[in-house]
Amino acid sequence: MADQQSLDDSNVVCELREVPARQVVAEISSIFREPTDAMIELCERIDWLADQLARRFASEEQSGRYDDALCHAPWLTARAQELQQQHQQLIDLLNGLRQLCQSSDGLVAWWQRLREDFSEFAELLEEHEAAENNLLDDMHPGPSWSQD
């Protein structure tokens, strides 16, 4: 039994020696880099989204899309103005996220705040786009498919 125990111990030692410490150190180092890479990618995607939405909103406002449609449905002016004001609110939220990406708060607090702020942005954007679609539908009503 003692011989079996020392054979088992020597196998454990051999198994430990087979994995070079350098490899384990590299694996641990890569684990530390992954969150950093994810944070960098997250911040880059927020920058990209902010640039894209700023261009899209500017294009919508400069195109006269709202003005032309409101000539045909002036009763929707207040809703259209509210949607245009939301453009700036959405851009401001994204710019706040961009600034947060540059901050050096504690990692856990930073991640939590970024997630909460982004969730608020995403919810507002979804509501904005739905309201925009509803406004356009109200400006240009189609046939009522529910009536026979």
N, C-alpha and C. Protein backbone atom coordinates (compact mmCIF):
# COMPACT_ATOMS: atom_id res chain seq x y z
N MET A 1 0.81 -1.19 0.00
CA MET A 1 0.00 0.00 0.00
C MET A 1 0.85 1.25 0.00
N ALA A 2 1.95 1.21 0.76
CA ALA A 2 2.86 2.35 0.80
C ALA A 2 3.47 2.57 -0.55
N ASP A 3 3.78 1.45 -1.26
CA ASP A 3 4.35 1.58 -2.60
C ASP A 3 3.34 2.22 -3.55
N GLN A 4 2.07 1.85 -3.41
CA GLN A 4 1.02 2.44 -4.25
C GLN A 4 0.90 3.93 -3.95
N GLN A 5 0.98 4.31 -2.66
CA GLN A 5 0.89 5.72 -2.27
C GLN A 5 2.03 6.52 -2.87
N SER A 6 3.25 5.99 -2.82
CA SER A 6 4.36 6.74 -3.37
C SER A 6 4.31 6.76 -4.88
N LEU A 7 3.75 5.74 -5.51
CA LEU A 7 3.56 5.75 -6.96
C LEU A 7 2.54 6.82 -7.34
N ASP A 8 1.46 6.91 -6.58
CA ASP A 8 0.44 7.94 -6.84
C ASP A 8 1.03 9.33 -6.65
N ASP A 9 1.82 9.52 -5.58
CA ASP A 9 2.44 10.82 -5.33
C ASP A 9 3.40 11.20 -6.45
N SER A 10 4.15 10.23 -6.94
CA SER A 10 5.10 10.55 -8.02
C SER A 10 4.36 10.87 -9.31
N ASN A 11 3.20 10.24 -9.55
CA ASN A 11 2.40 10.58 -10.75
C ASN A 11 1.87 12.00 -10.66
N VAL A 12 1.44 12.40 -9.46
CA VAL A 12 0.95 13.75 -9.26
C VAL A 12 2.07 14.74 -9.53
N VAL A 13 3.24 14.47 -9.00
CA VAL A 13 4.39 15.35 -9.22
C VAL A 13 4.73 15.41 -10.70
N CYS A 14 4.69 14.27 -11.39
CA CYS A 14 4.99 14.26 -12.83
C CYS A 14 3.95 15.06 -13.60
N GLU A 15 2.67 14.92 -13.21
CA GLU A 15 1.63 15.68 -13.89
C GLU A 15 1.82 17.17 -13.68
N LEU A 16 2.20 17.57 -12.49
CA LEU A 16 2.43 18.98 -12.22
C LEU A 16 3.62 19.51 -13.00
N ARG A 17 4.63 18.70 -13.16
CA ARG A 17 5.82 19.14 -13.89
C ARG A 17 5.59 19.22 -15.39
N GLU A 18 4.59 18.48 -15.90
CA GLU A 18 4.35 18.46 -17.34
C GLU A 18 3.79 19.79 -17.85
N VAL A 19 3.11 20.53 -17.01
CA VAL A 19 2.55 21.82 -17.41
C VAL A 19 3.55 22.89 -17.00
N PRO A 20 4.18 23.53 -17.97
CA PRO A 20 5.17 24.55 -17.61
C PRO A 20 4.51 25.75 -16.94
N ALA A 21 5.19 26.26 -15.96
CA ALA A 21 4.67 27.43 -15.23
C ALA A 21 4.40 28.58 -16.18
N ARG A 22 5.25 28.73 -17.19
CA ARG A 22 5.08 29.81 -18.17
C ARG A 22 3.72 29.74 -18.85
N GLN A 23 3.27 28.53 -19.14
CA GLN A 23 1.97 28.36 -19.79
C GLN A 23 0.84 28.78 -18.86
N VAL A 24 0.94 28.37 -17.60
CA VAL A 24 -0.09 28.72 -16.63
C VAL A 24 -0.11 30.24 -16.43
N VAL A 25 1.06 30.84 -16.35
CA VAL A 25 1.14 32.30 -16.21
C VAL A 25 0.50 32.97 -17.42
N ALA A 26 0.75 32.47 -18.62
CA ALA A 26 0.15 33.04 -19.84
C ALA A 26 -1.37 32.89 -19.81
N GLU A 27 -1.86 31.74 -19.35
CA GLU A 27 -3.30 31.54 -19.27
C GLU A 27 -3.94 32.50 -18.28
N ILE A 28 -3.31 32.66 -17.13
CA ILE A 28 -3.84 33.59 -16.14
C ILE A 28 -3.80 35.01 -16.68
N SER A 29 -2.73 35.37 -17.34
CA SER A 29 -2.62 36.72 -17.92
C SER A 29 -3.71 36.97 -18.94
N SER A 30 -4.03 35.97 -19.75
CA SER A 30 -5.08 36.15 -20.75
C SER A 30 -6.44 36.34 -20.09
N ILE A 31 -6.65 35.70 -18.96
CA ILE A 31 -7.90 35.88 -18.24
C ILE A 31 -8.04 37.32 -17.77
N PHE A 32 -6.93 37.89 -17.29
CA PHE A 32 -6.97 39.29 -16.87
C PHE A 32 -7.22 40.23 -18.04
N ARG A 33 -6.74 39.90 -19.21
CA ARG A 33 -6.93 40.77 -20.38
C ARG A 33 -8.34 40.71 -20.93
N GLU A 34 -9.03 39.61 -20.80
CA GLU A 34 -10.37 39.46 -21.38
C GLU A 34 -11.33 40.54 -20.92
N PRO A 35 -11.46 40.80 -19.61
CA PRO A 35 -12.37 41.88 -19.21
C PRO A 35 -11.96 43.23 -19.78
N THR A 36 -10.65 43.47 -19.84
CA THR A 36 -10.18 44.72 -20.40
C THR A 36 -10.56 44.81 -21.87
N ASP A 37 -10.38 43.71 -22.60
CA ASP A 37 -10.76 43.70 -24.01
C ASP A 37 -12.26 43.93 -24.16
N ALA A 38 -13.05 43.32 -23.29
CA ALA A 38 -14.50 43.51 -23.36
C ALA A 38 -14.87 44.95 -23.07
N MET A 39 -14.20 45.57 -22.10
CA MET A 39 -14.50 46.97 -21.78
C MET A 39 -14.10 47.88 -22.93
N ILE A 40 -12.96 47.61 -23.53
CA ILE A 40 -12.51 48.42 -24.66
C ILE A 40 -13.49 48.28 -25.82
N GLU A 41 -13.90 47.05 -26.11
CA GLU A 41 -14.85 46.82 -27.21
C GLU A 41 -16.18 47.49 -26.91
N LEU A 42 -16.64 47.40 -25.67
CA LEU A 42 -17.89 48.04 -25.28
C LEU A 42 -17.82 49.54 -25.52
N CYS A 43 -16.75 50.16 -25.09
CA CYS A 43 -16.59 51.61 -25.27
C CYS A 43 -16.49 51.97 -26.75
N GLU A 44 -15.80 51.16 -27.54
CA GLU A 44 -15.72 51.42 -28.98
C GLU A 44 -17.09 51.32 -29.64
N ARG A 45 -17.90 50.34 -29.22
CA ARG A 45 -19.24 50.18 -29.80
C ARG A 45 -20.14 51.35 -29.41
N ILE A 46 -19.99 51.84 -28.18
CA ILE A 46 -20.77 53.01 -27.75
C ILE A 46 -20.38 54.23 -28.58
N ASP A 47 -19.08 54.41 -28.82
CA ASP A 47 -18.62 55.52 -29.68
C ASP A 47 -19.23 55.41 -31.07
N TRP A 48 -19.21 54.20 -31.63
CA TRP A 48 -19.74 53.99 -32.98
C TRP A 48 -21.24 54.30 -33.00
N LEU A 49 -21.96 53.80 -32.00
CA LEU A 49 -23.41 54.03 -31.94
C LEU A 49 -23.71 55.52 -31.81
N ALA A 50 -22.96 56.22 -30.98
CA ALA A 50 -23.17 57.66 -30.81
C ALA A 50 -22.96 58.40 -32.12
N ASP A 51 -21.92 58.05 -32.85
CA ASP A 51 -21.66 58.70 -34.14
C ASP A 51 -22.76 58.39 -35.15
N GLN A 52 -23.18 57.14 -35.20
CA GLN A 52 -24.22 56.74 -36.16
C GLN A 52 -25.55 57.43 -35.87
N LEU A 53 -25.95 57.45 -34.60
CA LEU A 53 -27.23 58.08 -34.26
C LEU A 53 -27.18 59.59 -34.47
N ALA A 54 -26.07 60.21 -34.16
CA ALA A 54 -25.95 61.65 -34.38
C ALA A 54 -26.12 61.96 -35.86
N ARG A 55 -25.50 61.17 -36.72
CA ARG A 55 -25.65 61.37 -38.17
C ARG A 55 -27.08 61.11 -38.63
N ARG A 56 -27.68 60.04 -38.11
CA ARG A 56 -29.05 59.70 -38.51
C ARG A 56 -30.03 60.78 -38.09
N PHE A 57 -29.91 61.25 -36.85
CA PHE A 57 -30.82 62.28 -36.37
C PHE A 57 -30.63 63.58 -37.13
N ALA A 58 -29.40 63.95 -37.40
CA ALA A 58 -29.12 65.17 -38.16
C ALA A 58 -29.73 65.05 -39.56
N SER A 59 -29.60 63.89 -40.15
CA SER A 59 -30.16 63.66 -41.49
C SER A 59 -31.68 63.77 -41.46
N GLU A 60 -32.30 63.18 -40.45
CA GLU A 60 -33.77 63.26 -40.33
C GLU A 60 -34.22 64.71 -40.20
N GLU A 61 -33.51 65.46 -39.37
CA GLU A 61 -33.91 66.84 -39.12
C GLU A 61 -33.65 67.74 -40.33
N GLN A 62 -32.55 67.51 -41.04
CA GLN A 62 -32.23 68.33 -42.20
C GLN A 62 -33.04 67.95 -43.43
N SER A 63 -33.54 66.74 -43.47
CA SER A 63 -34.28 66.28 -44.64
C SER A 63 -35.64 66.94 -44.77
N GLY A 64 -36.13 67.52 -43.68
CA GLY A 64 -37.46 68.11 -43.71
C GLY A 64 -38.56 67.06 -43.60
N ARG A 65 -38.17 65.86 -43.23
CA ARG A 65 -39.10 64.73 -43.11
C ARG A 65 -40.30 65.10 -42.24
N TYR A 66 -40.03 65.68 -41.10
CA TYR A 66 -41.12 66.05 -40.21
C TYR A 66 -41.91 67.22 -40.77
N ASP A 67 -41.23 68.23 -41.27
CA ASP A 67 -41.91 69.44 -41.77
C ASP A 67 -42.88 69.11 -42.90
N ASP A 68 -42.42 68.33 -43.85
CA ASP A 68 -43.28 67.97 -44.98
C ASP A 68 -44.51 67.19 -44.53
N ALA A 69 -44.27 66.24 -43.65
CA ALA A 69 -45.39 65.42 -43.18
C ALA A 69 -46.37 66.24 -42.37
N LEU A 70 -45.84 67.18 -41.58
CA LEU A 70 -46.72 67.98 -40.73
C LEU A 70 -47.54 68.98 -41.53
N CYS A 71 -47.12 69.28 -42.74
CA CYS A 71 -47.95 70.13 -43.60
C CYS A 71 -49.28 69.43 -43.88
N HIS A 72 -49.23 68.10 -43.94
CA HIS A 72 -50.43 67.31 -44.21
C HIS A 72 -51.17 66.92 -42.93
N ALA A 73 -50.47 66.97 -41.80
CA ALA A 73 -51.10 66.58 -40.52
C ALA A 73 -50.62 67.50 -39.41
N PRO A 74 -51.03 68.78 -39.46
CA PRO A 74 -50.52 69.75 -38.48
C PRO A 74 -50.93 69.43 -37.04
N TRP A 75 -51.95 68.65 -36.83
CA TRP A 75 -52.40 68.29 -35.50
C TRP A 75 -51.37 67.40 -34.76
N LEU A 76 -50.38 66.90 -35.50
CA LEU A 76 -49.35 66.05 -34.90
C LEU A 76 -48.06 66.82 -34.58
N THR A 77 -48.12 68.15 -34.68
CA THR A 77 -46.92 68.97 -34.49
C THR A 77 -46.28 68.77 -33.12
N ALA A 78 -47.06 68.76 -32.07
CA ALA A 78 -46.51 68.61 -30.72
C ALA A 78 -45.77 67.28 -30.58
N ARG A 79 -46.34 66.22 -31.11
CA ARG A 79 -45.68 64.90 -31.04
C ARG A 79 -44.38 64.90 -31.82
N ALA A 80 -44.38 65.53 -32.99
CA ALA A 80 -43.18 65.58 -33.82
C ALA A 80 -42.08 66.39 -33.13
N GLN A 81 -42.47 67.50 -32.52
CA GLN A 81 -41.48 68.31 -31.80
C GLN A 81 -40.90 67.55 -30.62
N GLU A 82 -41.72 66.80 -29.94
CA GLU A 82 -41.24 66.00 -28.81
C GLU A 82 -40.22 64.95 -29.28
N LEU A 83 -40.51 64.34 -30.42
CA LEU A 83 -39.58 63.35 -30.97
C LEU A 83 -38.26 64.00 -31.37
N GLN A 84 -38.32 65.18 -31.95
CA GLN A 84 -37.08 65.86 -32.32
C GLN A 84 -36.28 66.24 -31.07
N GLN A 85 -36.96 66.62 -30.01
CA GLN A 85 -36.25 66.92 -28.77
C GLN A 85 -35.62 65.67 -28.16
N GLN A 86 -36.23 64.54 -28.37
CA GLN A 86 -35.66 63.29 -27.87
C GLN A 86 -34.35 62.96 -28.56
N HIS A 87 -34.18 63.43 -29.79
CA HIS A 87 -32.91 63.20 -30.49
C HIS A 87 -31.76 63.70 -29.62
N GLN A 88 -31.89 64.93 -29.14
CA GLN A 88 -30.82 65.50 -28.32
C GLN A 88 -30.67 64.76 -27.00
N GLN A 89 -31.77 64.35 -26.43
CA GLN A 89 -31.73 63.60 -25.17
C GLN A 89 -30.98 62.27 -25.36
N LEU A 90 -31.26 61.59 -26.47
CA LEU A 90 -30.58 60.32 -26.75
C LEU A 90 -29.09 60.54 -26.98
N ILE A 91 -28.75 61.58 -27.71
CA ILE A 91 -27.33 61.89 -27.96
C ILE A 91 -26.65 62.24 -26.64
N ASP A 92 -27.32 63.00 -25.79
CA ASP A 92 -26.75 63.35 -24.48
C ASP A 92 -26.50 62.10 -23.63
N LEU A 93 -27.44 61.16 -23.66
CA LEU A 93 -27.25 59.92 -22.91
C LEU A 93 -26.03 59.15 -23.43
N LEU A 94 -25.90 59.09 -24.74
CA LEU A 94 -24.74 58.40 -25.32
C LEU A 94 -23.44 59.12 -24.99
N ASN A 95 -23.47 60.44 -25.02
CA ASN A 95 -22.26 61.19 -24.67
C ASN A 95 -21.90 60.97 -23.21
N GLY A 96 -22.91 60.83 -22.35
CA GLY A 96 -22.66 60.49 -20.95
C GLY A 96 -22.01 59.12 -20.82
N LEU A 97 -22.47 58.17 -21.64
CA LEU A 97 -21.86 56.84 -21.65
C LEU A 97 -20.42 56.91 -22.14
N ARG A 98 -20.18 57.74 -23.14
CA ARG A 98 -18.81 57.91 -23.64
C ARG A 98 -17.91 58.46 -22.54
N GLN A 99 -18.40 59.45 -21.80
CA GLN A 99 -17.60 60.03 -20.71
C GLN A 99 -17.38 59.00 -19.61
N LEU A 100 -18.37 58.21 -19.34
CA LEU A 100 -18.23 57.16 -18.34
C LEU A 100 -17.17 56.15 -18.76
N CYS A 101 -17.10 55.87 -20.05
CA CYS A 101 -16.07 54.95 -20.54
C CYS A 101 -14.67 55.49 -20.27
N GLN A 102 -14.54 56.79 -20.24
CA GLN A 102 -13.23 57.41 -20.01
C GLN A 102 -12.90 57.55 -18.52
N SER A 103 -13.89 57.32 -17.67
CA SER A 103 -13.67 57.50 -16.23
C SER A 103 -12.91 56.31 -15.66
N SER A 104 -12.42 56.51 -14.47
CA SER A 104 -11.67 55.43 -13.83
C SER A 104 -12.28 55.07 -12.48
N ASP A 105 -13.60 55.01 -12.44
CA ASP A 105 -14.27 54.56 -11.22
C ASP A 105 -13.87 53.11 -10.96
N GLY A 106 -14.18 52.63 -9.78
CA GLY A 106 -13.91 51.23 -9.49
C GLY A 106 -14.61 50.35 -10.51
N LEU A 107 -13.98 49.27 -10.89
CA LEU A 107 -14.47 48.42 -11.98
C LEU A 107 -15.91 47.97 -11.77
N VAL A 108 -16.22 47.47 -10.59
CA VAL A 108 -17.57 46.96 -10.35
C VAL A 108 -18.59 48.09 -10.42
N ALA A 109 -18.30 49.20 -9.76
CA ALA A 109 -19.22 50.35 -9.79
C ALA A 109 -19.33 50.90 -11.20
N TRP A 110 -18.22 50.97 -11.91
CA TRP A 110 -18.20 51.49 -13.29
C TRP A 110 -19.07 50.61 -14.18
N TRP A 111 -18.87 49.32 -14.10
CA TRP A 111 -19.61 48.37 -14.95
C TRP A 111 -21.11 48.46 -14.65
N GLN A 112 -21.46 48.51 -13.37
CA GLN A 112 -22.87 48.58 -12.98
C GLN A 112 -23.50 49.87 -13.49
N ARG A 113 -22.82 50.99 -13.32
CA ARG A 113 -23.37 52.27 -13.77
C ARG A 113 -23.50 52.30 -15.29
N LEU A 114 -22.49 51.79 -15.98
CA LEU A 114 -22.54 51.76 -17.44
C LEU A 114 -23.71 50.90 -17.91
N ARG A 115 -23.89 49.78 -17.26
CA ARG A 115 -25.00 48.89 -17.64
C ARG A 115 -26.35 49.57 -17.40
N GLU A 116 -26.51 50.22 -16.25
CA GLU A 116 -27.76 50.91 -15.94
C GLU A 116 -28.02 52.07 -16.89
N ASP A 117 -26.99 52.88 -17.14
CA ASP A 117 -27.16 54.02 -18.04
C ASP A 117 -27.46 53.55 -19.46
N PHE A 118 -26.80 52.48 -19.89
CA PHE A 118 -27.07 51.98 -21.23
C PHE A 118 -28.47 51.41 -21.33
N SER A 119 -28.91 50.75 -20.29
CA SER A 119 -30.27 50.20 -20.28
C SER A 119 -31.29 51.32 -20.40
N GLU A 120 -31.05 52.43 -19.69
CA GLU A 120 -31.93 53.60 -19.79
C GLU A 120 -31.93 54.14 -21.22
N PHE A 121 -30.75 54.24 -21.82
CA PHE A 121 -30.64 54.71 -23.20
C PHE A 121 -31.40 53.77 -24.15
N ALA A 122 -31.16 52.48 -24.03
CA ALA A 122 -31.77 51.50 -24.93
C ALA A 122 -33.29 51.54 -24.84
N GLU A 123 -33.81 51.69 -23.63
CA GLU A 123 -35.27 51.77 -23.45
C GLU A 123 -35.82 53.02 -24.10
N LEU A 124 -35.15 54.15 -23.90
CA LEU A 124 -35.61 55.40 -24.50
C LEU A 124 -35.54 55.34 -26.03
N LEU A 125 -34.48 54.75 -26.56
CA LEU A 125 -34.35 54.63 -28.02
C LEU A 125 -35.47 53.77 -28.59
N GLU A 126 -35.77 52.66 -27.91
CA GLU A 126 -36.84 51.78 -28.38
C GLU A 126 -38.18 52.51 -28.37
N GLU A 127 -38.46 53.24 -27.29
CA GLU A 127 -39.69 54.01 -27.20
C GLU A 127 -39.74 55.10 -28.27
N HIS A 128 -38.60 55.75 -28.50
CA HIS A 128 -38.52 56.82 -29.50
C HIS A 128 -38.83 56.27 -30.89
N GLU A 129 -38.22 55.16 -31.24
CA GLU A 129 -38.43 54.61 -32.57
C GLU A 129 -39.87 54.13 -32.76
N ALA A 130 -40.46 53.55 -31.72
CA ALA A 130 -41.87 53.14 -31.80
C ALA A 130 -42.77 54.36 -31.96
N ALA A 131 -42.49 55.43 -31.20
CA ALA A 131 -43.29 56.65 -31.30
C ALA A 131 -43.12 57.29 -32.67
N GLU A 132 -41.92 57.24 -33.21
CA GLU A 132 -41.67 57.78 -34.54
C GLU A 132 -42.46 57.02 -35.59
N ASN A 133 -42.46 55.70 -35.50
CA ASN A 133 -43.24 54.88 -36.43
C ASN A 133 -44.73 55.16 -36.29
N ASN A 134 -45.19 55.30 -35.06
CA ASN A 134 -46.61 55.61 -34.84
C ASN A 134 -46.97 56.98 -35.42
N LEU A 135 -46.09 57.94 -35.25
CA LEU A 135 -46.33 59.28 -35.80
C LEU A 135 -46.43 59.21 -37.32
N LEU A 136 -45.51 58.51 -37.94
CA LEU A 136 -45.54 58.40 -39.40
C LEU A 136 -46.79 57.66 -39.87
N ASP A 137 -47.20 56.64 -39.12
CA ASP A 137 -48.44 55.93 -39.46
C ASP A 137 -49.65 56.86 -39.34
N ASP A 138 -49.64 57.71 -38.30
CA ASP A 138 -50.75 58.64 -38.11
C ASP A 138 -50.76 59.74 -39.17
N MET A 139 -49.58 60.10 -39.66
CA MET A 139 -49.50 61.12 -40.72
C MET A 139 -49.97 60.57 -42.05
N HIS A 140 -49.68 59.30 -42.27
CA HIS A 140 -50.03 58.66 -43.55
C HIS A 140 -50.81 57.40 -43.27
N PRO A 141 -52.04 57.53 -42.82
CA PRO A 141 -52.82 56.32 -42.48
C PRO A 141 -53.08 55.47 -43.72
N GLY A 142 -52.97 54.20 -43.51
CA GLY A 142 -53.24 53.25 -44.58
C GLY A 142 -54.63 52.68 -44.42
N PRO A 143 -54.96 51.69 -45.19
CA PRO A 143 -56.29 51.07 -45.07
C PRO A 143 -56.41 50.35 -43.74
N SER A 144 -57.61 50.31 -43.24
CA SER A 144 -57.88 49.60 -42.00
C SER A 144 -58.15 48.14 -42.34
N TRP A 145 -57.24 47.29 -42.00
CA TRP A 145 -57.37 45.88 -42.37
C TRP A 145 -58.31 45.13 -41.42
N SER A 146 -58.65 45.73 -40.30
CA SER A 146 -59.52 45.03 -39.36
C SER A 146 -61.00 45.13 -39.75
N GLN A 147 -61.32 46.07 -40.64
CA GLN A 147 -62.71 46.23 -41.06
C GLN A 147 -62.95 45.47 -42.35
N ASP A 148 -64.14 44.88 -42.45
CA ASP A 148 -64.50 44.13 -43.68
C ASP A 148 -65.14 45.02 -44.68
